[in-house]
N, C-alpha and C. Protein backbone atom coordinates (compact mmCIF):
# COMPACT_ATOMS: atom_id res chain seq x y z
N MET A 1 -11.81 32.68 23.95
CA MET A 1 -12.47 32.31 22.69
C MET A 1 -13.11 30.93 22.84
N ASN A 2 -14.36 30.83 22.44
CA ASN A 2 -15.09 29.57 22.51
C ASN A 2 -14.67 28.65 21.37
N ASN A 3 -14.55 27.40 21.69
CA ASN A 3 -14.24 26.40 20.68
C ASN A 3 -15.26 25.28 20.81
N THR A 4 -16.49 25.59 20.43
CA THR A 4 -17.60 24.68 20.63
C THR A 4 -17.37 23.30 20.01
N PRO A 5 -16.86 23.17 18.79
CA PRO A 5 -16.66 21.82 18.24
C PRO A 5 -15.75 20.96 19.12
N ASN A 6 -14.65 21.52 19.61
CA ASN A 6 -13.75 20.75 20.48
C ASN A 6 -14.39 20.46 21.83
N GLU A 7 -15.13 21.43 22.36
CA GLU A 7 -15.83 21.21 23.63
C GLU A 7 -16.89 20.12 23.48
N PHE A 8 -17.61 20.16 22.36
CA PHE A 8 -18.60 19.12 22.07
C PHE A 8 -17.91 17.75 22.05
N ASP A 9 -16.82 17.66 21.32
CA ASP A 9 -16.11 16.38 21.20
C ASP A 9 -15.62 15.88 22.55
N SER A 10 -15.15 16.77 23.39
CA SER A 10 -14.67 16.39 24.72
C SER A 10 -15.81 15.83 25.58
N VAL A 11 -16.94 16.52 25.57
CA VAL A 11 -18.10 16.06 26.33
C VAL A 11 -18.58 14.71 25.79
N ILE A 12 -18.68 14.60 24.49
CA ILE A 12 -19.17 13.36 23.88
C ILE A 12 -18.23 12.20 24.18
N ALA A 13 -16.94 12.45 24.23
CA ALA A 13 -16.00 11.36 24.56
C ALA A 13 -16.33 10.78 25.93
N ARG A 14 -16.67 11.64 26.89
CA ARG A 14 -17.03 11.16 28.23
C ARG A 14 -18.36 10.41 28.19
N CYS A 15 -19.33 10.94 27.45
CA CYS A 15 -20.63 10.27 27.34
C CYS A 15 -20.49 8.92 26.66
N ARG A 16 -19.70 8.88 25.61
CA ARG A 16 -19.49 7.63 24.87
C ARG A 16 -18.82 6.59 25.76
N ASN A 17 -17.89 7.01 26.57
CA ASN A 17 -17.22 6.09 27.48
C ASN A 17 -18.23 5.42 28.41
N VAL A 18 -19.14 6.21 28.96
CA VAL A 18 -20.19 5.64 29.82
C VAL A 18 -21.05 4.67 29.03
N TYR A 19 -21.44 5.07 27.82
CA TYR A 19 -22.27 4.21 26.95
C TYR A 19 -21.58 2.87 26.71
N VAL A 20 -20.30 2.91 26.35
CA VAL A 20 -19.55 1.69 26.06
C VAL A 20 -19.41 0.81 27.30
N LEU A 21 -19.13 1.42 28.44
CA LEU A 21 -19.01 0.65 29.69
C LEU A 21 -20.34 0.01 30.08
N LYS A 22 -21.44 0.75 29.92
CA LYS A 22 -22.76 0.18 30.20
C LYS A 22 -23.07 -0.96 29.23
N MET A 23 -22.60 -0.81 27.99
CA MET A 23 -22.80 -1.87 27.00
C MET A 23 -22.08 -3.14 27.44
N LYS A 24 -20.91 -2.98 28.08
CA LYS A 24 -20.17 -4.15 28.59
C LYS A 24 -20.93 -4.79 29.74
N ASP A 25 -21.58 -3.98 30.55
CA ASP A 25 -22.35 -4.52 31.68
C ASP A 25 -23.66 -5.17 31.24
N TYR A 26 -24.41 -4.48 30.37
CA TYR A 26 -25.78 -4.90 30.06
C TYR A 26 -26.04 -5.26 28.61
N GLY A 27 -25.10 -4.93 27.73
CA GLY A 27 -25.40 -5.06 26.31
C GLY A 27 -26.50 -4.07 25.95
N PRO A 28 -27.01 -4.14 24.75
CA PRO A 28 -28.09 -3.23 24.34
C PRO A 28 -29.45 -3.74 24.83
N SER A 29 -29.56 -3.94 26.14
CA SER A 29 -30.80 -4.44 26.74
C SER A 29 -31.96 -3.47 26.51
N TRP A 30 -31.65 -2.22 26.25
CA TRP A 30 -32.66 -1.20 25.99
C TRP A 30 -33.40 -1.42 24.67
N ARG A 31 -32.97 -2.35 23.86
CA ARG A 31 -33.63 -2.59 22.57
C ARG A 31 -35.11 -2.94 22.75
N ILE A 32 -35.49 -3.42 23.93
CA ILE A 32 -36.90 -3.77 24.15
C ILE A 32 -37.75 -2.57 24.53
N MET A 33 -37.14 -1.41 24.74
CA MET A 33 -37.89 -0.22 25.16
C MET A 33 -38.74 0.33 24.03
N ARG A 34 -40.01 0.54 24.35
CA ARG A 34 -40.90 1.21 23.42
C ARG A 34 -40.66 2.72 23.53
N PRO A 35 -41.15 3.50 22.56
CA PRO A 35 -40.87 4.94 22.57
C PRO A 35 -41.23 5.63 23.89
N GLN A 36 -42.37 5.29 24.48
CA GLN A 36 -42.77 5.96 25.72
C GLN A 36 -41.80 5.65 26.86
N THR A 37 -41.22 4.46 26.84
CA THR A 37 -40.27 4.09 27.90
C THR A 37 -38.98 4.90 27.77
N VAL A 38 -38.50 5.07 26.56
CA VAL A 38 -37.31 5.91 26.35
C VAL A 38 -37.62 7.33 26.82
N ASN A 39 -38.79 7.83 26.46
CA ASN A 39 -39.18 9.18 26.89
C ASN A 39 -39.26 9.28 28.41
N ASP A 40 -39.79 8.24 29.06
CA ASP A 40 -39.87 8.25 30.52
C ASP A 40 -38.48 8.19 31.16
N GLN A 41 -37.56 7.45 30.58
CA GLN A 41 -36.19 7.42 31.10
C GLN A 41 -35.57 8.82 31.02
N LEU A 42 -35.77 9.47 29.89
CA LEU A 42 -35.28 10.85 29.75
C LEU A 42 -35.96 11.77 30.76
N PHE A 43 -37.26 11.57 30.95
CA PHE A 43 -38.02 12.41 31.86
C PHE A 43 -37.47 12.32 33.29
N ILE A 44 -37.21 11.10 33.77
CA ILE A 44 -36.75 11.00 35.16
C ILE A 44 -35.37 11.64 35.34
N LYS A 45 -34.53 11.58 34.32
CA LYS A 45 -33.22 12.22 34.41
C LYS A 45 -33.36 13.74 34.45
N ALA A 46 -34.15 14.29 33.53
CA ALA A 46 -34.32 15.74 33.46
C ALA A 46 -35.09 16.27 34.67
N LYS A 47 -36.09 15.52 35.12
CA LYS A 47 -36.87 15.93 36.29
C LYS A 47 -35.98 15.99 37.52
N ARG A 48 -35.08 15.04 37.67
CA ARG A 48 -34.16 15.03 38.81
C ARG A 48 -33.24 16.25 38.76
N ILE A 49 -32.74 16.57 37.56
CA ILE A 49 -31.88 17.77 37.43
C ILE A 49 -32.66 19.00 37.86
N ARG A 50 -33.90 19.11 37.41
CA ARG A 50 -34.72 20.28 37.75
C ARG A 50 -34.96 20.37 39.26
N GLU A 51 -35.23 19.24 39.89
CA GLU A 51 -35.45 19.23 41.34
C GLU A 51 -34.20 19.69 42.09
N ILE A 52 -33.04 19.22 41.65
CA ILE A 52 -31.78 19.64 42.28
C ILE A 52 -31.55 21.13 42.06
N GLU A 53 -31.83 21.62 40.84
CA GLU A 53 -31.68 23.05 40.56
C GLU A 53 -32.59 23.88 41.46
N MET A 54 -33.81 23.41 41.66
CA MET A 54 -34.79 24.19 42.41
C MET A 54 -34.59 24.11 43.92
N THR A 55 -34.17 22.94 44.41
CA THR A 55 -34.08 22.75 45.86
C THR A 55 -32.65 22.83 46.39
N GLY A 56 -31.69 22.57 45.53
CA GLY A 56 -30.31 22.50 45.97
C GLY A 56 -30.00 21.24 46.75
N VAL A 57 -30.96 20.32 46.82
CA VAL A 57 -30.80 19.10 47.61
C VAL A 57 -30.59 17.92 46.67
N ASN A 58 -29.57 17.11 46.99
CA ASN A 58 -29.25 15.93 46.20
C ASN A 58 -29.03 14.78 47.17
N LEU A 59 -30.10 14.08 47.53
CA LEU A 59 -30.01 13.00 48.50
C LEU A 59 -29.41 11.72 47.93
N VAL A 60 -29.59 11.50 46.65
CA VAL A 60 -29.08 10.28 46.02
C VAL A 60 -27.56 10.36 45.87
N GLY A 61 -27.05 11.56 45.64
CA GLY A 61 -25.61 11.74 45.53
C GLY A 61 -25.07 11.63 44.12
N GLU A 62 -25.87 11.15 43.18
CA GLU A 62 -25.41 11.11 41.78
C GLU A 62 -25.42 12.53 41.23
N SER A 63 -24.45 12.82 40.41
CA SER A 63 -24.25 14.20 39.96
C SER A 63 -25.21 14.61 38.85
N VAL A 64 -25.42 15.91 38.76
CA VAL A 64 -26.16 16.48 37.63
C VAL A 64 -25.43 16.12 36.34
N GLU A 65 -24.11 16.16 36.38
CA GLU A 65 -23.31 15.80 35.21
C GLU A 65 -23.65 14.39 34.73
N GLY A 66 -23.75 13.45 35.65
CA GLY A 66 -24.09 12.08 35.27
C GLY A 66 -25.47 11.98 34.65
N GLU A 67 -26.41 12.75 35.18
CA GLU A 67 -27.77 12.74 34.62
C GLU A 67 -27.78 13.35 33.22
N LEU A 68 -27.00 14.40 33.01
CA LEU A 68 -26.92 15.01 31.68
C LEU A 68 -26.28 14.05 30.68
N MET A 69 -25.26 13.34 31.12
CA MET A 69 -24.64 12.35 30.23
C MET A 69 -25.65 11.25 29.89
N ALA A 70 -26.49 10.89 30.84
CA ALA A 70 -27.54 9.90 30.57
C ALA A 70 -28.54 10.45 29.56
N ILE A 71 -28.85 11.74 29.63
CA ILE A 71 -29.76 12.34 28.65
C ILE A 71 -29.14 12.27 27.26
N VAL A 72 -27.86 12.56 27.15
CA VAL A 72 -27.18 12.42 25.85
C VAL A 72 -27.34 10.98 25.35
N ASN A 73 -27.02 10.03 26.20
CA ASN A 73 -27.01 8.63 25.77
C ASN A 73 -28.42 8.09 25.50
N TYR A 74 -29.39 8.45 26.34
CA TYR A 74 -30.76 8.01 26.07
C TYR A 74 -31.34 8.70 24.84
N SER A 75 -30.89 9.91 24.53
CA SER A 75 -31.33 10.55 23.29
C SER A 75 -30.85 9.76 22.08
N VAL A 76 -29.61 9.29 22.12
CA VAL A 76 -29.11 8.44 21.03
C VAL A 76 -29.92 7.15 20.98
N ILE A 77 -30.18 6.56 22.12
CA ILE A 77 -30.99 5.34 22.17
C ILE A 77 -32.37 5.60 21.56
N GLY A 78 -32.95 6.76 21.86
CA GLY A 78 -34.24 7.11 21.27
C GLY A 78 -34.17 7.16 19.75
N ILE A 79 -33.11 7.73 19.22
CA ILE A 79 -32.94 7.80 17.77
C ILE A 79 -32.77 6.39 17.19
N ILE A 80 -31.97 5.57 17.85
CA ILE A 80 -31.79 4.18 17.41
C ILE A 80 -33.14 3.47 17.39
N GLN A 81 -33.92 3.64 18.44
CA GLN A 81 -35.21 2.96 18.52
C GLN A 81 -36.17 3.47 17.44
N LEU A 82 -36.15 4.77 17.17
CA LEU A 82 -37.02 5.31 16.12
C LEU A 82 -36.65 4.77 14.75
N ARG A 83 -35.36 4.73 14.48
CA ARG A 83 -34.92 4.32 13.14
C ARG A 83 -34.94 2.81 12.93
N ASN A 84 -34.85 2.05 14.03
CA ASN A 84 -34.79 0.59 13.91
C ASN A 84 -36.02 -0.10 14.49
N GLY A 85 -36.89 0.63 15.13
CA GLY A 85 -38.01 0.02 15.83
C GLY A 85 -37.52 -0.65 17.10
N PHE A 86 -38.44 -0.87 18.03
CA PHE A 86 -38.06 -1.60 19.24
C PHE A 86 -38.20 -3.09 18.96
N ALA A 87 -37.62 -3.90 19.81
CA ALA A 87 -37.60 -5.35 19.59
C ALA A 87 -38.20 -6.06 20.81
N ASP A 88 -38.60 -7.29 20.61
CA ASP A 88 -39.09 -8.10 21.73
C ASP A 88 -37.94 -8.74 22.50
N ASN A 89 -36.78 -8.83 21.87
CA ASN A 89 -35.58 -9.37 22.50
C ASN A 89 -34.41 -8.47 22.11
N VAL A 90 -33.31 -8.69 22.78
CA VAL A 90 -32.10 -7.97 22.42
C VAL A 90 -31.64 -8.55 21.09
N ASP A 91 -31.73 -7.76 20.05
CA ASP A 91 -31.48 -8.23 18.69
C ASP A 91 -30.30 -7.51 18.02
N MET A 92 -29.47 -6.89 18.85
CA MET A 92 -28.38 -6.09 18.31
C MET A 92 -27.15 -6.35 19.18
N THR A 93 -26.00 -6.41 18.54
CA THR A 93 -24.76 -6.58 19.31
C THR A 93 -24.34 -5.24 19.90
N ALA A 94 -23.49 -5.32 20.91
CA ALA A 94 -22.94 -4.09 21.49
C ALA A 94 -22.14 -3.32 20.44
N GLY A 95 -21.43 -4.04 19.59
CA GLY A 95 -20.66 -3.39 18.53
C GLY A 95 -21.55 -2.61 17.57
N LYS A 96 -22.66 -3.21 17.17
CA LYS A 96 -23.60 -2.53 16.26
C LYS A 96 -24.20 -1.31 16.96
N ALA A 97 -24.57 -1.46 18.24
CA ALA A 97 -25.15 -0.35 18.99
C ALA A 97 -24.16 0.79 19.14
N THR A 98 -22.90 0.48 19.32
CA THR A 98 -21.86 1.50 19.43
C THR A 98 -21.61 2.17 18.08
N GLY A 99 -21.65 1.40 17.01
CA GLY A 99 -21.51 1.98 15.68
C GLY A 99 -22.64 2.96 15.38
N LEU A 100 -23.86 2.60 15.75
CA LEU A 100 -25.00 3.50 15.56
C LEU A 100 -24.86 4.74 16.43
N TYR A 101 -24.35 4.56 17.65
CA TYR A 101 -24.10 5.69 18.54
C TYR A 101 -23.18 6.69 17.84
N ASP A 102 -22.08 6.20 17.32
CA ASP A 102 -21.12 7.09 16.65
C ASP A 102 -21.73 7.78 15.44
N LEU A 103 -22.53 7.06 14.68
CA LEU A 103 -23.19 7.62 13.51
C LEU A 103 -24.14 8.76 13.90
N TYR A 104 -24.97 8.52 14.92
CA TYR A 104 -25.97 9.52 15.30
C TYR A 104 -25.36 10.68 16.06
N ILE A 105 -24.27 10.43 16.77
CA ILE A 105 -23.55 11.54 17.39
C ILE A 105 -22.95 12.44 16.31
N ALA A 106 -22.43 11.86 15.25
CA ALA A 106 -21.90 12.66 14.14
C ALA A 106 -23.00 13.52 13.52
N GLU A 107 -24.20 12.96 13.38
CA GLU A 107 -25.34 13.73 12.87
C GLU A 107 -25.69 14.86 13.83
N ALA A 108 -25.69 14.56 15.13
CA ALA A 108 -26.01 15.58 16.13
C ALA A 108 -24.98 16.71 16.09
N ARG A 109 -23.72 16.35 15.92
CA ARG A 109 -22.65 17.36 15.87
C ARG A 109 -22.83 18.28 14.67
N GLU A 110 -23.13 17.70 13.52
CA GLU A 110 -23.34 18.52 12.32
C GLU A 110 -24.55 19.44 12.49
N LEU A 111 -25.62 18.92 13.07
CA LEU A 111 -26.80 19.75 13.34
C LEU A 111 -26.44 20.88 14.30
N MET A 112 -25.69 20.56 15.35
CA MET A 112 -25.27 21.57 16.32
C MET A 112 -24.46 22.67 15.64
N LEU A 113 -23.55 22.29 14.78
CA LEU A 113 -22.72 23.29 14.10
C LEU A 113 -23.58 24.22 13.24
N ARG A 114 -24.54 23.66 12.52
CA ARG A 114 -25.42 24.49 11.67
C ARG A 114 -26.28 25.42 12.53
N LYS A 115 -26.88 24.87 13.58
CA LYS A 115 -27.75 25.70 14.43
C LYS A 115 -26.92 26.73 15.19
N ASN A 116 -25.74 26.34 15.65
CA ASN A 116 -24.89 27.29 16.36
C ASN A 116 -24.54 28.47 15.48
N HIS A 117 -24.30 28.20 14.22
CA HIS A 117 -24.03 29.27 13.27
C HIS A 117 -25.23 30.20 13.16
N ASP A 118 -26.39 29.61 12.92
CA ASP A 118 -27.59 30.41 12.69
C ASP A 118 -28.06 31.16 13.94
N TYR A 119 -27.87 30.56 15.10
CA TYR A 119 -28.33 31.17 16.35
C TYR A 119 -27.23 31.94 17.10
N GLY A 120 -26.04 31.97 16.55
CA GLY A 120 -24.96 32.74 17.15
C GLY A 120 -24.58 32.27 18.55
N GLU A 121 -24.60 30.97 18.76
CA GLU A 121 -24.26 30.38 20.06
C GLU A 121 -25.04 31.02 21.20
N ALA A 122 -26.33 31.24 20.99
CA ALA A 122 -27.18 31.86 22.00
C ALA A 122 -27.21 31.05 23.29
N TRP A 123 -26.99 29.75 23.21
CA TRP A 123 -27.02 28.90 24.41
C TRP A 123 -25.99 29.33 25.45
N ARG A 124 -24.92 29.96 25.00
CA ARG A 124 -23.88 30.39 25.94
C ARG A 124 -24.39 31.47 26.89
N GLU A 125 -25.43 32.18 26.48
CA GLU A 125 -26.00 33.24 27.31
C GLU A 125 -27.23 32.77 28.08
N MET A 126 -27.58 31.51 27.91
CA MET A 126 -28.75 30.96 28.60
C MET A 126 -28.37 30.42 29.97
N LEU A 127 -29.33 30.43 30.87
CA LEU A 127 -29.15 29.81 32.18
C LEU A 127 -29.20 28.29 32.03
N PRO A 128 -28.41 27.56 32.80
CA PRO A 128 -28.52 26.10 32.78
C PRO A 128 -29.95 25.62 33.05
N SER A 129 -30.65 26.31 33.96
CA SER A 129 -32.02 25.91 34.27
C SER A 129 -32.94 26.05 33.05
N SER A 130 -32.65 27.01 32.18
CA SER A 130 -33.43 27.14 30.94
C SER A 130 -33.17 25.95 30.02
N LEU A 131 -31.93 25.49 29.98
CA LEU A 131 -31.62 24.31 29.17
C LEU A 131 -32.39 23.10 29.70
N THR A 132 -32.46 22.97 31.03
CA THR A 132 -33.24 21.88 31.63
C THR A 132 -34.70 21.98 31.23
N ASP A 133 -35.26 23.17 31.32
CA ASP A 133 -36.68 23.36 30.98
C ASP A 133 -36.95 23.04 29.51
N ILE A 134 -36.04 23.42 28.63
CA ILE A 134 -36.21 23.11 27.21
C ILE A 134 -36.15 21.60 26.98
N ILE A 135 -35.23 20.93 27.65
CA ILE A 135 -35.15 19.47 27.54
C ILE A 135 -36.45 18.84 28.02
N LEU A 136 -36.96 19.29 29.17
CA LEU A 136 -38.23 18.75 29.67
C LEU A 136 -39.38 19.01 28.70
N THR A 137 -39.39 20.18 28.09
CA THR A 137 -40.43 20.50 27.11
C THR A 137 -40.36 19.54 25.93
N LYS A 138 -39.15 19.28 25.44
CA LYS A 138 -38.99 18.38 24.30
C LYS A 138 -39.36 16.94 24.66
N ILE A 139 -39.10 16.54 25.90
CA ILE A 139 -39.53 15.22 26.36
C ILE A 139 -41.05 15.14 26.35
N ASN A 140 -41.69 16.16 26.88
CA ASN A 140 -43.16 16.18 26.88
C ASN A 140 -43.73 16.19 25.47
N ARG A 141 -43.07 16.89 24.57
CA ARG A 141 -43.50 16.85 23.17
C ARG A 141 -43.41 15.43 22.62
N ASN A 142 -42.29 14.76 22.91
CA ASN A 142 -42.13 13.39 22.42
C ASN A 142 -43.16 12.45 23.03
N LYS A 143 -43.51 12.67 24.29
CA LYS A 143 -44.53 11.84 24.92
C LYS A 143 -45.87 12.03 24.21
N SER A 144 -46.20 13.27 23.86
CA SER A 144 -47.45 13.54 23.14
C SER A 144 -47.42 12.92 21.75
N ILE A 145 -46.31 13.06 21.06
CA ILE A 145 -46.19 12.50 19.72
C ILE A 145 -46.28 10.98 19.78
N ALA A 146 -45.61 10.36 20.73
CA ALA A 146 -45.66 8.89 20.85
C ALA A 146 -47.08 8.43 21.16
N ALA A 147 -47.80 9.18 21.98
CA ALA A 147 -49.19 8.83 22.29
C ALA A 147 -50.09 8.95 21.06
N ASN A 148 -49.61 9.68 20.05
CA ASN A 148 -50.35 9.85 18.80
C ASN A 148 -49.74 8.99 17.69
N ASP A 149 -49.22 7.82 18.07
CA ASP A 149 -48.62 6.88 17.11
C ASP A 149 -47.51 7.51 16.28
N ASN A 150 -46.75 8.42 16.87
CA ASN A 150 -45.62 9.10 16.23
C ASN A 150 -46.01 9.90 14.99
N ARG A 151 -47.27 10.31 14.92
CA ARG A 151 -47.72 11.15 13.81
C ARG A 151 -47.73 12.61 14.25
N THR A 152 -47.28 13.47 13.35
CA THR A 152 -47.35 14.91 13.61
C THR A 152 -48.01 15.58 12.41
N ILE A 153 -48.51 16.77 12.65
CA ILE A 153 -49.15 17.54 11.58
C ILE A 153 -48.17 18.56 11.03
N ILE A 154 -47.46 19.25 11.93
CA ILE A 154 -46.59 20.34 11.49
C ILE A 154 -45.20 20.29 12.12
N SER A 155 -45.06 19.61 13.24
CA SER A 155 -43.78 19.64 13.95
C SER A 155 -42.78 18.67 13.35
N GLU A 156 -41.52 18.83 13.78
CA GLU A 156 -40.44 18.01 13.24
C GLU A 156 -40.48 16.57 13.71
N GLY A 157 -41.17 16.29 14.80
CA GLY A 157 -41.29 14.93 15.28
C GLY A 157 -40.26 14.57 16.33
N CYS A 158 -40.35 13.32 16.77
CA CYS A 158 -39.54 12.84 17.89
C CYS A 158 -38.04 12.90 17.60
N GLU A 159 -37.65 12.53 16.41
CA GLU A 159 -36.22 12.48 16.11
C GLU A 159 -35.56 13.84 16.29
N GLY A 160 -36.18 14.88 15.77
CA GLY A 160 -35.64 16.22 15.94
C GLY A 160 -35.54 16.62 17.40
N ASN A 161 -36.54 16.22 18.18
CA ASN A 161 -36.50 16.51 19.62
C ASN A 161 -35.37 15.76 20.30
N TYR A 162 -35.12 14.49 19.92
CA TYR A 162 -34.01 13.75 20.50
C TYR A 162 -32.67 14.42 20.19
N PHE A 163 -32.51 14.84 18.94
CA PHE A 163 -31.27 15.53 18.58
C PHE A 163 -31.12 16.83 19.38
N ASP A 164 -32.21 17.59 19.54
CA ASP A 164 -32.14 18.83 20.30
C ASP A 164 -31.83 18.56 21.77
N MET A 165 -32.47 17.55 22.37
CA MET A 165 -32.20 17.22 23.78
C MET A 165 -30.73 16.86 23.97
N LEU A 166 -30.22 16.07 23.06
CA LEU A 166 -28.82 15.67 23.11
C LEU A 166 -27.93 16.91 23.10
N ASN A 167 -28.17 17.80 22.17
CA ASN A 167 -27.31 18.98 22.04
C ASN A 167 -27.48 19.94 23.22
N TYR A 168 -28.69 20.12 23.73
CA TYR A 168 -28.87 20.97 24.90
C TYR A 168 -28.17 20.37 26.12
N ALA A 169 -28.21 19.05 26.27
CA ALA A 169 -27.50 18.41 27.39
C ALA A 169 -25.99 18.61 27.24
N VAL A 170 -25.49 18.52 26.01
CA VAL A 170 -24.06 18.77 25.77
C VAL A 170 -23.72 20.22 26.15
N PHE A 171 -24.56 21.16 25.76
CA PHE A 171 -24.31 22.57 26.11
C PHE A 171 -24.25 22.76 27.62
N TYR A 172 -25.16 22.13 28.34
CA TYR A 172 -25.17 22.22 29.80
C TYR A 172 -23.88 21.63 30.35
N LEU A 173 -23.46 20.48 29.80
CA LEU A 173 -22.20 19.86 30.25
C LEU A 173 -21.00 20.76 29.98
N ILE A 174 -21.01 21.45 28.85
CA ILE A 174 -19.93 22.41 28.55
C ILE A 174 -19.94 23.52 29.59
N LYS A 175 -21.13 24.02 29.92
CA LYS A 175 -21.23 25.07 30.94
C LYS A 175 -20.69 24.58 32.29
N LEU A 176 -21.03 23.35 32.67
CA LEU A 176 -20.52 22.79 33.93
C LEU A 176 -19.00 22.67 33.90
N GLN A 177 -18.48 22.25 32.75
CA GLN A 177 -17.03 22.11 32.60
C GLN A 177 -16.34 23.47 32.75
N GLU A 178 -16.92 24.48 32.11
CA GLU A 178 -16.36 25.84 32.22
C GLU A 178 -16.42 26.34 33.66
N GLU A 179 -17.53 26.05 34.34
CA GLU A 179 -17.69 26.47 35.74
C GLU A 179 -16.65 25.80 36.63
N ASN A 180 -16.40 24.52 36.38
CA ASN A 180 -15.39 23.77 37.17
C ASN A 180 -13.97 24.26 36.92
N GLU A 181 -13.73 24.81 35.73
CA GLU A 181 -12.40 25.30 35.39
C GLU A 181 -12.11 26.68 36.00
N LYS A 182 -13.16 27.37 36.46
CA LYS A 182 -12.99 28.72 37.04
C LYS A 182 -12.47 28.64 38.45
């Protein structure tokens, strides 16, 4: 029996730990990132996952799991930057950045629960590579939206894409966890 809420919480606990430890090393230095830079950070993580999936070669040695956790964390950073704007200097404490992380993760979890209900946990039947492709598509959408001064005509916009990327990365991490347990 699947227990997606608990699996989500378990994955997020690991992602949050990395976020907090990086905050101790660097603080919220990412506050200076403009929207396109956040999108490019997400792009290099997702592109690397796709290359590893396609070639089976990992010369750097960092895990797909680590890259997925970075996608979760950069997605939260993207939401923080959208809602607070970017800054010319680091203008936020690590504590404030962590509080916002927790707030936006709670929003992502609620969204995931609603969508999981409506879609019948369809992600469980998807290939991990499809999750990667969807994440890359959403990154490209955000790049297009950012190039258009964050204006959209009909789409949900960057924030919705960040929440979706976060949740798809969590789903992939759950799949990896299940695979490791077999």
